[in-house]
């Protein structure tokens, strides 16, 4: 059993290493065109090959490695854009009112986050700050994904309402 697992993992590692040598520049250029940022494209390329390594250790190599890697890159890019959108949502909630100074706004946001119920606050931090998926949050908190989505929605609504009242 151990020998089979070792063989599978070694084969996957060799396959992904060959794919990296052959396709990493293409995947990088693809992501660079989509992001317009060298650092983001480089980081996403690394994440694509990490995702690919993980996927190959669980299944057989795809028929077209190049096409499959582009699909993995597209999914990783979409995930990153969603994560940024979530972060922007929190920033929008905390956008200063012209009558506020930056310190007042930050303090008001921190106070509002502190007043959130524990589970809402934990979901908010895991999702917006840490960028975790709903599945990861649900596993960490021992609940389902729908409950996590509901808690995040309620937390954001409460923050928005409290910050509007404070301004």
C-alpha atoms as a PDB file:
ATOM      1  CA  UNK A   1       0.000   0.000   0.000  1.00  0.00           C
ATOM      2  CA  UNK A   2       2.766   2.462   0.923  1.00  0.00           C
ATOM      3  CA  UNK A   3       4.704   1.600  -2.217  1.00  0.00           C
ATOM      4  CA  UNK A   4       1.640   2.257  -4.392  1.00  0.00           C
ATOM      5  CA  UNK A   5       1.014   5.619  -2.718  1.00  0.00           C
ATOM      6  CA  UNK A   6       4.691   6.543  -3.097  1.00  0.00           C
ATOM      7  CA  UNK A   7       4.571   5.578  -6.786  1.00  0.00           C
ATOM      8  CA  UNK A   8       1.424   7.645  -7.356  1.00  0.00           C
ATOM      9  CA  UNK A   9       2.897  10.701  -5.612  1.00  0.00           C
ATOM     10  CA  UNK A  10       6.229  10.352  -7.420  1.00  0.00           C
ATOM     11  CA  UNK A  11       4.477  10.067 -10.780  1.00  0.00           C
ATOM     12  CA  UNK A  12       2.359  13.144 -10.008  1.00  0.00           C
ATOM     13  CA  UNK A  13       5.440  15.105  -8.944  1.00  0.00           C
ATOM     14  CA  UNK A  14       7.294  14.179 -12.137  1.00  0.00           C
ATOM     15  CA  UNK A  15       4.274  15.050 -14.265  1.00  0.00           C
ATOM     16  CA  UNK A  16       3.798  18.452 -12.661  1.00  0.00           C
ATOM     17  CA  UNK A  17       7.527  19.183 -12.812  1.00  0.00           C
ATOM     18  CA  UNK A  18       7.537  18.498 -16.556  1.00  0.00           C
ATOM     19  CA  UNK A  19       4.397  20.597 -16.971  1.00  0.00           C
ATOM     20  CA  UNK A  20       5.971  23.455 -15.009  1.00  0.00           C
ATOM     21  CA  UNK A  21       9.076  23.457 -17.195  1.00  0.00           C
ATOM     22  CA  UNK A  22       7.010  23.291 -20.357  1.00  0.00           C
ATOM     23  CA  UNK A  23       4.002  25.552 -19.561  1.00  0.00           C
ATOM     24  CA  UNK A  24       4.825  27.904 -16.685  1.00  0.00           C
ATOM     25  CA  UNK A  25       5.848  30.765 -18.995  1.00  0.00           C
ATOM     26  CA  UNK A  26       2.606  30.395 -20.985  1.00  0.00           C
ATOM     27  CA  UNK A  27       0.467  30.306 -17.853  1.00  0.00           C
ATOM     28  CA  UNK A  28       2.336  33.334 -16.489  1.00  0.00           C
ATOM     29  CA  UNK A  29       1.764  35.328 -19.710  1.00  0.00           C
ATOM     30  CA  UNK A  30      -1.922  34.337 -19.709  1.00  0.00           C
ATOM     31  CA  UNK A  31      -2.326  35.558 -16.129  1.00  0.00           C
ATOM     32  CA  UNK A  32      -0.265  38.691 -16.787  1.00  0.00           C
ATOM     33  CA  UNK A  33      -2.587  39.660 -19.649  1.00  0.00           C
ATOM     34  CA  UNK A  34      -5.597  39.146 -17.397  1.00  0.00           C
ATOM     35  CA  UNK A  35      -4.226  40.895 -14.290  1.00  0.00           C
ATOM     36  CA  UNK A  36      -1.912  43.500 -15.806  1.00  0.00           C
ATOM     37  CA  UNK A  37       0.406  43.068 -12.823  1.00  0.00           C
ATOM     38  CA  UNK A  38       3.665  41.094 -12.808  1.00  0.00           C
ATOM     39  CA  UNK A  39       3.587  40.294  -9.083  1.00  0.00           C
ATOM     40  CA  UNK A  40      -0.009  39.088  -9.195  1.00  0.00           C
ATOM     41  CA  UNK A  41       0.658  36.991 -12.294  1.00  0.00           C
ATOM     42  CA  UNK A  42       3.713  35.397 -10.706  1.00  0.00           C
ATOM     43  CA  UNK A  43       1.890  34.602  -7.469  1.00  0.00           C
ATOM     44  CA  UNK A  44      -1.116  33.213  -9.326  1.00  0.00           C
ATOM     45  CA  UNK A  45       1.145  31.072 -11.523  1.00  0.00           C
ATOM     46  CA  UNK A  46       2.675  29.521  -8.414  1.00  0.00           C
ATOM     47  CA  UNK A  47      -0.784  28.891  -6.995  1.00  0.00           C
ATOM     48  CA  UNK A  48      -1.909  27.292 -10.270  1.00  0.00           C
ATOM     49  CA  UNK A  49       0.920  24.773 -10.143  1.00  0.00           C
ATOM     50  CA  UNK A  50       0.319  24.129  -6.437  1.00  0.00           C
ATOM     51  CA  UNK A  51      -3.357  23.458  -7.236  1.00  0.00           C
ATOM     52  CA  UNK A  52      -2.323  21.252 -10.153  1.00  0.00           C
ATOM     53  CA  UNK A  53       0.052  19.258  -7.951  1.00  0.00           C
ATOM     54  CA  UNK A  54      -2.699  18.676  -5.430  1.00  0.00           C
ATOM     55  CA  UNK A  55      -5.202  17.642  -8.101  1.00  0.00           C
ATOM     56  CA  UNK A  56      -2.775  15.299  -9.845  1.00  0.00           C
ATOM     57  CA  UNK A  57      -2.013  13.503  -6.593  1.00  0.00           C
ATOM     58  CA  UNK A  58      -5.732  12.614  -6.388  1.00  0.00           C
ATOM     59  CA  UNK A  59      -6.423  11.685 -10.000  1.00  0.00           C
ATOM     60  CA  UNK A  60      -4.939  10.693 -13.342  1.00  0.00           C
ATOM     61  CA  UNK A  61      -3.201  13.279 -15.514  1.00  0.00           C
ATOM     62  CA  UNK A  62      -5.513  15.042 -17.976  1.00  0.00           C
ATOM     63  CA  UNK A  63      -5.395  14.272 -21.690  1.00  0.00           C
ATOM     64  CA  UNK A  64      -4.307  17.820 -22.509  1.00  0.00           C
ATOM     65  CA  UNK A  65      -2.045  19.156 -19.778  1.00  0.00           C
ATOM     66  CA  UNK A  66      -1.845  22.596 -21.408  1.00  0.00           C
ATOM     67  CA  UNK A  67      -5.620  23.015 -21.677  1.00  0.00           C
ATOM     68  CA  UNK A  68      -6.128  21.706 -18.168  1.00  0.00           C
ATOM     69  CA  UNK A  69      -3.553  24.136 -16.760  1.00  0.00           C
ATOM     70  CA  UNK A  70      -5.298  27.032 -18.495  1.00  0.00           C
ATOM     71  CA  UNK A  71      -8.573  25.914 -16.892  1.00  0.00           C
ATOM     72  CA  UNK A  72      -6.879  25.743 -13.471  1.00  0.00           C
ATOM     73  CA  UNK A  73      -5.391  29.218 -14.093  1.00  0.00           C
ATOM     74  CA  UNK A  74      -8.787  30.626 -15.053  1.00  0.00           C
ATOM     75  CA  UNK A  75     -10.407  29.196 -11.896  1.00  0.00           C
ATOM     76  CA  UNK A  76      -7.576  30.496  -9.704  1.00  0.00           C
ATOM     77  CA  UNK A  77      -7.907  33.960 -11.297  1.00  0.00           C
ATOM     78  CA  UNK A  78     -11.667  33.986 -10.707  1.00  0.00           C
ATOM     79  CA  UNK A  79     -11.116  32.964  -7.070  1.00  0.00           C
ATOM     80  CA  UNK A  80      -8.603  35.782  -6.632  1.00  0.00           C
ATOM     81  CA  UNK A  81     -10.957  38.346  -8.170  1.00  0.00           C
ATOM     82  CA  UNK A  82     -13.756  37.185  -5.845  1.00  0.00           C
ATOM     83  CA  UNK A  83     -11.431  37.453  -2.843  1.00  0.00           C
ATOM     84  CA  UNK A  84     -10.525  41.005  -3.845  1.00  0.00           C
ATOM     85  CA  UNK A  85     -14.181  41.878  -4.301  1.00  0.00           C
ATOM     86  CA  UNK A  86     -14.915  40.646  -0.758  1.00  0.00           C
ATOM     87  CA  UNK A  87     -12.052  42.716   0.606  1.00  0.00           C
ATOM     88  CA  UNK A  88     -13.338  45.739  -1.315  1.00  0.00           C
ATOM     89  CA  UNK A  89     -16.781  45.189   0.225  1.00  0.00           C
ATOM     90  CA  UNK A  90     -15.305  45.560   3.691  1.00  0.00           C
ATOM     91  CA  UNK A  91     -13.394  48.650   2.589  1.00  0.00           C
ATOM     92  CA  UNK A  92     -16.637  50.099   1.151  1.00  0.00           C
ATOM     93  CA  UNK A  93     -18.332  49.522   4.484  1.00  0.00           C
ATOM     94  CA  UNK A  94     -15.501  51.424   6.160  1.00  0.00           C
ATOM     95  CA  UNK A  95     -15.270  54.258   3.619  1.00  0.00           C
ATOM     96  CA  UNK A  96     -14.932  57.460   5.596  1.00  0.00           C
ATOM     97  CA  UNK A  97     -17.701  60.003   5.657  1.00  0.00           C
ATOM     98  CA  UNK A  98     -16.378  63.500   4.846  1.00  0.00           C
ATOM     99  CA  UNK A  99     -17.132  64.540   8.446  1.00  0.00           C
ATOM    100  CA  UNK A 100     -14.965  61.745   9.831  1.00  0.00           C
ATOM    101  CA  UNK A 101     -11.235  61.655  10.180  1.00  0.00           C
ATOM    102  CA  UNK A 102      -9.476  58.420   9.240  1.00  0.00           C
ATOM    103  CA  UNK A 103      -8.779  57.579  12.887  1.00  0.00           C
ATOM    104  CA  UNK A 104     -12.437  58.023  13.777  1.00  0.00           C
ATOM    105  CA  UNK A 105     -13.545  55.754  10.938  1.00  0.00           C
ATOM    106  CA  UNK A 106     -11.071  53.037  11.805  1.00  0.00           C
ATOM    107  CA  UNK A 107     -12.048  53.215  15.461  1.00  0.00           C
ATOM    108  CA  UNK A 108     -15.746  53.093  14.584  1.00  0.00           C
ATOM    109  CA  UNK A 109     -15.153  50.060  12.353  1.00  0.00           C
ATOM    110  CA  UNK A 110     -13.139  48.262  15.026  1.00  0.00           C
ATOM    111  CA  UNK A 111     -15.825  48.993  17.620  1.00  0.00           C
ATOM    112  CA  UNK A 112     -18.561  47.771  15.277  1.00  0.00           C
ATOM    113  CA  UNK A 113     -16.645  44.565  14.534  1.00  0.00           C
ATOM    114  CA  UNK A 114     -16.097  44.020  18.263  1.00  0.00           C
ATOM    115  CA  UNK A 115     -19.866  44.304  18.852  1.00  0.00           C
ATOM    116  CA  UNK A 116     -20.675  41.580  16.321  1.00  0.00           C
ATOM    117  CA  UNK A 117     -21.786  38.236  17.731  1.00  0.00           C
ATOM    118  CA  UNK A 118     -18.824  35.871  18.053  1.00  0.00           C
ATOM    119  CA  UNK A 119     -19.703  33.576  15.131  1.00  0.00           C
ATOM    120  CA  UNK A 120     -20.456  36.483  12.805  1.00  0.00           C
ATOM    121  CA  UNK A 121     -17.153  38.116  13.695  1.00  0.00           C
ATOM    122  CA  UNK A 122     -15.236  34.866  13.168  1.00  0.00           C
ATOM    123  CA  UNK A 123     -16.866  34.264   9.769  1.00  0.00           C
ATOM    124  CA  UNK A 124     -16.184  37.869   8.749  1.00  0.00           C
ATOM    125  CA  UNK A 125     -12.497  37.632   9.654  1.00  0.00           C
ATOM    126  CA  UNK A 126     -12.026  34.209   8.046  1.00  0.00           C
ATOM    127  CA  UNK A 127     -13.762  35.197   4.825  1.00  0.00           C
ATOM    128  CA  UNK A 128     -12.767  38.830   4.272  1.00  0.00           C
ATOM    129  CA  UNK A 129      -9.420  39.116   6.013  1.00  0.00           C
ATOM    130  CA  UNK A 130      -8.036  35.590   5.612  1.00  0.00           C
ATOM    131  CA  UNK A 131      -9.723  34.902   2.258  1.00  0.00           C
ATOM    132  CA  UNK A 132     -10.948  31.436   3.227  1.00  0.00           C
ATOM    133  CA  UNK A 133     -13.616  29.611   1.264  1.00  0.00           C
ATOM    134  CA  UNK A 134     -17.037  28.966   2.768  1.00  0.00           C
ATOM    135  CA  UNK A 135     -16.163  25.268   2.872  1.00  0.00           C
ATOM    136  CA  UNK A 136     -13.035  25.948   4.946  1.00  0.00           C
ATOM    137  CA  UNK A 137     -14.958  28.231   7.293  1.00  0.00           C
ATOM    138  CA  UNK A 138     -17.761  25.686   7.690  1.00  0.00           C
ATOM    139  CA  UNK A 139     -15.266  22.969   8.567  1.00  0.00           C
ATOM    140  CA  UNK A 140     -13.458  25.211  11.059  1.00  0.00           C
ATOM    141  CA  UNK A 141     -16.700  26.241  12.779  1.00  0.00           C
ATOM    142  CA  UNK A 142     -18.496  22.908  12.499  1.00  0.00           C
ATOM    143  CA  UNK A 143     -21.481  24.213  10.530  1.00  0.00           C
ATOM    144  CA  UNK A 144     -22.658  24.183   6.916  1.00  0.00           C
ATOM    145  CA  UNK A 145     -21.724  26.604   4.133  1.00  0.00           C
ATOM    146  CA  UNK A 146     -25.187  28.182   4.008  1.00  0.00           C
ATOM    147  CA  UNK A 147     -24.905  29.134   7.680  1.00  0.00           C
ATOM    148  CA  UNK A 148     -21.535  30.772   6.995  1.00  0.00           C
ATOM    149  CA  UNK A 149     -22.959  32.786   4.104  1.00  0.00           C
ATOM    150  CA  UNK A 150     -25.890  33.904   6.257  1.00  0.00           C
ATOM    151  CA  UNK A 151     -23.601  34.937   9.131  1.00  0.00           C
ATOM    152  CA  UNK A 152     -21.346  36.929   6.807  1.00  0.00           C
ATOM    153  CA  UNK A 153     -24.338  38.666   5.245  1.00  0.00           C
ATOM    154  CA  UNK A 154     -25.730  39.584   8.648  1.00  0.00           C
ATOM    155  CA  UNK A 155     -22.324  40.770   9.870  1.00  0.00           C
ATOM    156  CA  UNK A 156     -21.832  43.036   6.857  1.00  0.00           C
ATOM    157  CA  UNK A 157     -25.371  44.406   7.160  1.00  0.00           C
ATOM    158  CA  UNK A 158     -24.846  45.146  10.865  1.00  0.00           C
ATOM    159  CA  UNK A 159     -21.508  46.853  10.174  1.00  0.00           C
ATOM    160  CA  UNK A 160     -23.030  48.930   7.395  1.00  0.00           C
ATOM    161  CA  UNK A 161     -25.969  49.966   9.598  1.00  0.00           C
ATOM    162  CA  UNK A 162     -23.787  50.858  12.575  1.00  0.00           C
ATOM    163  CA  UNK A 163     -21.337  52.875  10.487  1.00  0.00           C
ATOM    164  CA  UNK A 164     -24.185  54.775   8.788  1.00  0.00           C
ATOM    165  CA  UNK A 165     -25.688  55.644  12.190  1.00  0.00           C
ATOM    166  CA  UNK A 166     -22.240  56.713  13.488  1.00  0.00           C
ATOM    167  CA  UNK A 167     -21.782  59.103  10.576  1.00  0.00           C
END
